[in-house]
N, C-alpha and C. Protein backbone atom coordinates (compact mmCIF):
# COMPACT_ATOMS: atom_id res chain seq x y z
N MET A 1 1.14 -1.27 0.17
CA MET A 1 -0.06 -0.05 0.15
C MET A 1 1.02 1.17 0.28
N GLY A 2 0.29 2.21 -0.72
CA GLY A 2 1.09 3.36 -0.84
C GLY A 2 1.17 4.18 0.22
N THR A 3 1.79 5.38 0.28
CA THR A 3 1.92 6.04 1.36
C THR A 3 0.99 7.60 0.86
N GLN A 4 0.41 7.46 0.25
CA GLN A 4 -0.52 8.70 -0.29
C GLN A 4 -1.80 8.34 -1.07
N LEU A 5 -3.02 8.75 -0.68
CA LEU A 5 -4.23 8.76 -1.05
C LEU A 5 -4.35 9.98 -2.32
N GLN A 6 -5.00 9.59 -3.21
CA GLN A 6 -5.61 10.43 -4.52
C GLN A 6 -7.23 10.83 -4.29
N VAL A 7 -7.31 11.61 -3.95
CA VAL A 7 -9.00 11.97 -3.18
C VAL A 7 -9.04 13.41 -4.56
N GLU A 8 -10.61 13.56 -4.56
CA GLU A 8 -10.79 14.41 -5.29
C GLU A 8 -11.96 14.76 -4.19
N LEU A 9 -12.19 16.33 -4.98
CA LEU A 9 -12.91 17.32 -3.90
C LEU A 9 -13.89 17.81 -4.50
N ALA A 10 -15.32 17.63 -4.60
CA ALA A 10 -16.33 18.22 -5.48
C ALA A 10 -17.02 19.11 -4.69
N LEU A 11 -16.79 20.42 -5.31
CA LEU A 11 -17.74 21.54 -4.00
C LEU A 11 -18.76 22.31 -4.94
N GLY A 12 -20.07 22.36 -4.72
CA GLY A 12 -20.90 23.10 -5.07
C GLY A 12 -20.92 23.97 -4.71
N LEU A 13 -20.39 25.10 -5.75
CA LEU A 13 -20.29 26.82 -5.55
C LEU A 13 -21.93 27.57 -5.72
N ALA A 14 -22.42 26.78 -6.84
CA ALA A 14 -23.89 27.59 -7.35
C ALA A 14 -24.44 26.73 -8.02
N PRO A 15 -25.93 26.61 -8.38
CA PRO A 15 -26.49 25.55 -9.13
C PRO A 15 -25.88 25.20 -10.29
N ARG A 16 -25.96 23.84 -10.53
CA ARG A 16 -25.35 23.33 -11.80
C ARG A 16 -23.92 23.70 -11.75
N GLN A 17 -22.73 23.97 -10.73
CA GLN A 17 -21.76 24.20 -10.94
C GLN A 17 -20.92 23.74 -10.46
N VAL A 18 -19.85 22.68 -10.54
CA VAL A 18 -18.92 22.00 -9.57
C VAL A 18 -17.67 22.16 -9.95
N HIS A 19 -17.17 22.59 -8.62
CA HIS A 19 -15.73 22.89 -8.82
C HIS A 19 -14.70 21.76 -8.10
N LEU A 20 -13.78 20.95 -9.02
CA LEU A 20 -13.40 19.65 -8.70
C LEU A 20 -11.78 19.87 -8.53
N VAL A 21 -11.48 19.65 -7.15
CA VAL A 21 -9.80 19.57 -7.05
C VAL A 21 -9.36 18.32 -6.34
N ARG A 22 -8.17 17.98 -7.24
CA ARG A 22 -7.54 16.37 -7.30
C ARG A 22 -6.46 16.87 -6.08
N LEU A 23 -6.72 15.99 -5.35
CA LEU A 23 -5.88 16.04 -4.17
C LEU A 23 -4.85 14.99 -3.88
N SER A 24 -3.79 14.76 -3.29
CA SER A 24 -2.41 13.79 -2.69
C SER A 24 -2.74 14.20 -1.54
N LEU A 25 -3.19 13.16 -0.53
CA LEU A 25 -3.15 13.30 0.74
C LEU A 25 -2.31 11.78 1.55
N PRO A 26 -1.86 12.45 2.72
CA PRO A 26 -1.34 11.06 3.59
C PRO A 26 -2.38 10.48 3.65
N VAL A 27 -1.84 8.72 3.81
CA VAL A 27 -2.69 7.64 4.49
C VAL A 27 -3.25 8.37 5.57
N GLY A 28 -4.12 8.04 6.02
CA GLY A 28 -4.74 8.56 7.38
C GLY A 28 -5.52 9.70 7.60
N SER A 29 -5.36 10.44 6.24
CA SER A 29 -6.06 11.90 6.04
C SER A 29 -7.42 11.84 6.39
N THR A 30 -8.17 12.64 7.13
CA THR A 30 -9.30 12.85 7.10
C THR A 30 -10.47 13.61 6.06
N VAL A 31 -11.67 13.70 6.60
CA VAL A 31 -12.56 15.06 5.35
C VAL A 31 -12.18 16.37 5.61
N ARG A 32 -11.52 16.45 7.39
CA ARG A 32 -11.19 17.83 7.39
C ARG A 32 -9.99 18.04 6.53
N ASP A 33 -8.98 17.46 6.68
CA ASP A 33 -7.58 17.62 6.20
C ASP A 33 -7.89 17.66 4.86
N ALA A 34 -8.41 17.41 4.32
CA ALA A 34 -8.71 17.39 2.76
C ALA A 34 -9.21 18.77 2.48
N LEU A 35 -10.66 19.16 3.02
CA LEU A 35 -10.53 20.67 3.11
C LEU A 35 -10.16 21.69 3.22
N PHE A 36 -8.70 21.50 4.31
CA PHE A 36 -7.52 22.35 4.54
C PHE A 36 -6.71 22.40 2.99
N ALA A 37 -6.46 21.00 2.61
CA ALA A 37 -5.56 20.78 1.66
C ALA A 37 -5.95 21.45 0.43
N ALA A 38 -7.38 21.97 0.14
CA ALA A 38 -8.00 22.19 -0.89
C ALA A 38 -8.14 23.54 -0.73
N ASP A 39 -8.01 24.20 0.27
CA ASP A 39 -7.83 25.66 0.58
C ASP A 39 -9.40 26.00 0.69
N VAL A 40 -10.88 25.41 0.38
CA VAL A 40 -11.85 25.81 0.05
C VAL A 40 -12.51 26.75 0.87
N TRP A 41 -11.82 26.96 2.23
CA TRP A 41 -12.35 28.52 2.95
C TRP A 41 -12.18 29.72 1.95
N SER A 42 -11.43 30.07 1.05
CA SER A 42 -10.99 30.72 0.22
C SER A 42 -11.97 30.83 -0.98
N LEU A 43 -12.75 29.97 -1.71
CA LEU A 43 -13.49 30.00 -2.84
C LEU A 43 -14.87 30.30 -2.37
N ASP A 44 -15.52 30.41 -1.52
CA ASP A 44 -16.93 31.10 -0.92
C ASP A 44 -16.55 31.83 0.48
N ALA A 45 -16.99 33.05 0.77
CA ALA A 45 -17.35 33.96 1.81
C ALA A 45 -18.25 33.23 2.62
N SER A 46 -19.01 32.32 2.23
CA SER A 46 -20.22 31.39 3.33
C SER A 46 -19.51 30.28 3.95
N LEU A 47 -18.66 30.05 3.36
CA LEU A 47 -17.88 28.67 3.68
C LEU A 47 -16.85 28.82 4.94
N THR A 48 -16.93 28.32 5.65
CA THR A 48 -16.52 28.42 6.83
C THR A 48 -17.13 27.27 7.80
N LEU A 49 -15.62 26.76 8.93
CA LEU A 49 -15.80 25.91 9.61
C LEU A 49 -16.96 25.97 10.59
N GLN A 50 -17.40 26.87 10.66
CA GLN A 50 -18.75 27.18 11.43
C GLN A 50 -19.83 27.14 11.13
N ALA A 51 -20.25 27.20 9.46
CA ALA A 51 -21.33 26.82 8.76
C ALA A 51 -21.31 25.62 8.47
N LEU A 52 -20.28 24.62 8.51
CA LEU A 52 -20.08 23.39 8.31
C LEU A 52 -20.41 22.56 9.45
N GLU A 53 -20.16 23.32 10.66
CA GLU A 53 -20.54 22.62 11.53
C GLU A 53 -22.24 22.91 12.22
N SER A 54 -22.73 24.00 11.73
CA SER A 54 -23.90 24.50 11.84
C SER A 54 -25.13 23.67 10.86
N GLY A 55 -24.40 22.95 9.46
CA GLY A 55 -25.25 22.36 8.77
C GLY A 55 -25.46 23.06 7.47
N GLU A 56 -25.42 24.27 7.45
CA GLU A 56 -25.30 25.31 6.21
C GLU A 56 -24.81 24.72 4.98
N TRP A 57 -23.73 23.84 5.44
CA TRP A 57 -23.15 23.06 4.17
C TRP A 57 -23.07 21.84 4.97
N THR A 58 -23.00 20.99 3.66
CA THR A 58 -23.04 19.40 4.55
C THR A 58 -21.83 18.48 3.47
N VAL A 59 -21.07 17.92 4.30
CA VAL A 59 -19.94 17.31 3.59
C VAL A 59 -20.32 15.75 3.62
N GLY A 60 -19.87 15.04 2.45
CA GLY A 60 -20.57 13.44 2.30
C GLY A 60 -19.03 12.97 1.53
N VAL A 61 -19.42 11.81 1.24
CA VAL A 61 -17.96 10.91 0.90
C VAL A 61 -19.04 10.13 -0.07
N TRP A 62 -18.90 10.10 -1.21
CA TRP A 62 -19.33 9.17 -2.63
C TRP A 62 -21.27 9.68 -2.48
N GLY A 63 -21.85 10.37 -1.86
CA GLY A 63 -23.03 10.61 -1.87
C GLY A 63 -23.46 10.73 -0.25
N ARG A 64 -22.90 10.08 0.41
CA ARG A 64 -23.08 9.49 1.92
C ARG A 64 -22.84 10.79 2.63
N LYS A 65 -23.35 11.16 3.97
CA LYS A 65 -23.15 12.29 4.75
C LYS A 65 -22.16 11.69 5.57
N GLU A 66 -20.95 12.25 5.79
CA GLU A 66 -20.40 12.08 6.99
C GLU A 66 -19.72 13.16 7.23
N ARG A 67 -19.01 12.90 9.16
CA ARG A 67 -18.52 13.86 9.34
C ARG A 67 -17.07 14.33 9.11
N PRO A 68 -16.60 15.34 9.42
CA PRO A 68 -15.86 15.73 9.22
C PRO A 68 -14.47 15.12 9.71
N GLY A 69 -14.37 14.23 10.98
CA GLY A 69 -13.05 13.13 10.89
C GLY A 69 -12.83 12.16 10.50
N HIS A 70 -14.03 11.68 9.55
CA HIS A 70 -14.25 10.50 8.92
C HIS A 70 -12.76 10.57 8.36
N VAL A 71 -12.17 9.15 8.32
CA VAL A 71 -10.85 8.89 7.51
C VAL A 71 -11.18 7.99 6.35
N LEU A 72 -10.43 9.08 5.20
CA LEU A 72 -10.73 9.03 3.48
C LEU A 72 -9.53 7.73 3.49
N ARG A 73 -10.42 6.85 2.17
CA ARG A 73 -9.47 5.69 1.57
C ARG A 73 -9.23 6.55 0.25
N ASP A 74 -8.46 5.37 -0.40
CA ASP A 74 -7.89 5.60 -1.55
C ASP A 74 -8.92 6.07 -2.38
N ARG A 75 -8.75 7.17 -3.55
CA ARG A 75 -9.54 6.91 -4.77
C ARG A 75 -11.25 7.61 -3.96
N ASP A 76 -11.17 8.13 -2.82
CA ASP A 76 -12.78 8.60 -2.22
C ASP A 76 -12.78 9.87 -3.04
N ARG A 77 -14.06 10.43 -3.39
CA ARG A 77 -14.72 11.60 -3.79
C ARG A 77 -15.51 12.09 -2.34
N VAL A 78 -14.98 13.35 -2.04
CA VAL A 78 -15.39 14.04 -1.14
C VAL A 78 -16.68 15.38 -1.82
N GLU A 79 -17.73 15.17 -0.85
CA GLU A 79 -18.48 16.11 -1.96
C GLU A 79 -18.86 17.13 -0.66
N LEU A 80 -18.87 18.41 -1.10
CA LEU A 80 -19.06 19.60 -0.31
C LEU A 80 -20.85 20.43 -0.79
N VAL A 81 -21.46 20.34 -0.23
CA VAL A 81 -22.90 21.27 -1.02
C VAL A 81 -23.46 21.95 0.19
N ARG A 82 -24.22 22.77 -0.47
CA ARG A 82 -24.75 23.60 0.55
C ARG A 82 -26.61 22.92 0.61
N GLN A 83 -27.09 23.42 1.97
CA GLN A 83 -28.17 22.89 2.36
C GLN A 83 -29.34 23.18 1.13
N LEU A 84 -29.83 22.27 1.14
CA LEU A 84 -31.27 23.01 0.20
C LEU A 84 -31.98 23.96 0.40
N LYS A 85 -32.28 25.14 -0.65
CA LYS A 85 -33.47 26.32 -0.09
C LYS A 85 -34.77 26.01 -0.06
N VAL A 86 -35.44 24.94 -1.06
CA VAL A 86 -36.29 25.11 -1.72
C VAL A 86 -36.34 23.10 -1.54
N ASP A 87 -37.81 22.59 -0.57
CA ASP A 87 -38.04 21.43 -0.36
C ASP A 87 -38.51 20.67 -2.13
N PRO A 88 -37.79 19.76 -2.64
CA PRO A 88 -38.02 19.36 -3.96
C PRO A 88 -39.53 18.91 -3.87
N LYS A 89 -40.14 18.34 -3.12
CA LYS A 89 -41.32 18.04 -3.51
C LYS A 89 -42.36 19.44 -3.60
N GLU A 90 -42.10 19.95 -2.88
CA GLU A 90 -43.01 21.81 -3.05
C GLU A 90 -42.27 22.36 -4.67
N ALA A 91 -41.20 22.17 -5.01
CA ALA A 91 -40.82 22.60 -6.04
C ALA A 91 -41.49 22.19 -7.39
N ARG A 92 -41.42 20.92 -7.35
CA ARG A 92 -42.18 20.04 -8.16
C ARG A 92 -43.80 20.36 -8.34
N ARG A 93 -44.37 20.48 -7.10
CA ARG A 93 -45.57 21.07 -6.66
C ARG A 93 -46.00 22.51 -7.84
N VAL A 94 -45.27 23.48 -7.22
CA VAL A 94 -44.98 24.88 -8.10
C VAL A 94 -45.20 24.24 -9.66
N ARG A 95 -44.02 23.80 -9.94
CA ARG A 95 -43.72 23.66 -11.71
C ARG A 95 -45.11 23.10 -12.11
N TYR A 96 -45.55 21.85 -11.57
CA TYR A 96 -46.66 21.18 -12.08
C TYR A 96 -48.00 22.21 -12.28
N ARG A 97 -48.05 23.10 -11.20
CA ARG A 97 -49.27 23.98 -11.06
C ARG A 97 -48.89 24.94 -12.02
N ALA A 98 -48.07 25.64 -12.70
CA ALA A 98 -47.53 26.48 -13.30
C ALA A 98 -47.29 26.14 -14.83
N GLN A 99 -47.09 24.71 -14.99
CA GLN A 99 -47.41 23.98 -16.51
C GLN A 99 -48.72 23.90 -17.04
N GLY A 100 -49.69 23.90 -15.70
CA GLY A 100 -51.23 23.23 -16.37
C GLY A 100 -51.49 24.56 -16.36
N GLU A 101 -51.24 25.89 -15.81
CA GLU A 101 -52.23 26.92 -16.23
C GLU A 101 -51.60 27.76 -17.46
N LYS A 102 -50.32 27.24 -17.93
CA LYS A 102 -50.03 27.59 -19.36
C LYS A 102 -50.84 26.89 -20.38
N LEU A 103 -50.98 25.42 -20.39
CA LEU A 103 -51.34 24.68 -21.11
C LEU A 103 -52.98 24.74 -21.32
N PRO A 104 -53.44 25.09 -22.86
CA PRO A 104 -54.86 25.13 -23.19
C PRO A 104 -55.37 24.51 -22.23
N LYS A 105 -56.49 24.37 -21.96
CA LYS A 105 -57.86 23.26 -21.39
C LYS A 105 -57.70 22.01 -22.48
N GLY A 106 -57.49 21.04 -21.54
CA GLY A 106 -58.01 19.73 -22.13
C GLY A 106 -56.45 19.10 -22.45
N ILE A 107 -55.81 20.03 -22.61
CA ILE A 107 -54.85 18.92 -23.29
C ILE A 107 -53.93 18.04 -22.56
N HIS A 108 -54.08 17.93 -21.42
CA HIS A 108 -53.28 17.02 -20.68
C HIS A 108 -54.50 16.20 -20.15
N ARG A 109 -55.46 15.86 -20.87
CA ARG A 109 -56.80 14.90 -20.52
C ARG A 109 -56.12 13.91 -21.37
N SER A 110 -56.38 12.60 -20.88
CA SER A 110 -56.16 11.43 -21.55
C SER A 110 -57.13 11.37 -22.77
N PRO A 111 -56.90 10.76 -24.11
CA PRO A 111 -57.80 10.86 -25.23
C PRO A 111 -59.16 9.56 -24.36
N LYS A 112 -60.05 9.64 -25.09
CA LYS A 112 -61.07 8.34 -24.76
C LYS A 112 -60.62 7.12 -25.95
N ALA A 113 -60.92 6.21 -25.12
CA ALA A 113 -60.52 4.86 -25.77
C ALA A 113 -61.14 4.34 -26.84
N ARG A 114 -61.07 3.94 -27.89
CA ARG A 114 -61.82 3.84 -29.11
C ARG A 114 -62.56 2.37 -28.71
N PRO A 115 -63.42 2.55 -29.20
CA PRO A 115 -64.06 1.09 -29.56
C PRO A 115 -63.36 0.02 -30.48
N ILE A 116 -63.34 -0.76 -30.47
CA ILE A 116 -62.54 -1.85 -31.43
C ILE A 116 -63.83 -2.40 -32.42
């Protein structure tokens, strides 16, 4: 086993925008070590250690929420994302209502079954 881990850090700074950083860290490094090695604190003013601990930002490894003290393995992907501003269910409801108002009456009704 080598003495270095190859880790990728993905940071969601804005919607549909991902900032990727590839890191080489010593074996036994944690998520917190990766964040400091990538210097993520300088990329966004709202990204602070306090914001991370308060839940404003969430950190995970391969899509699973993890603690900053989680020990990384080789080829892990650390992901840092903001908390959702809108509930996804509510956003779908709003889009559906808006779409229904735009369509002409009867367009979203299913056609009648034809007799055989």
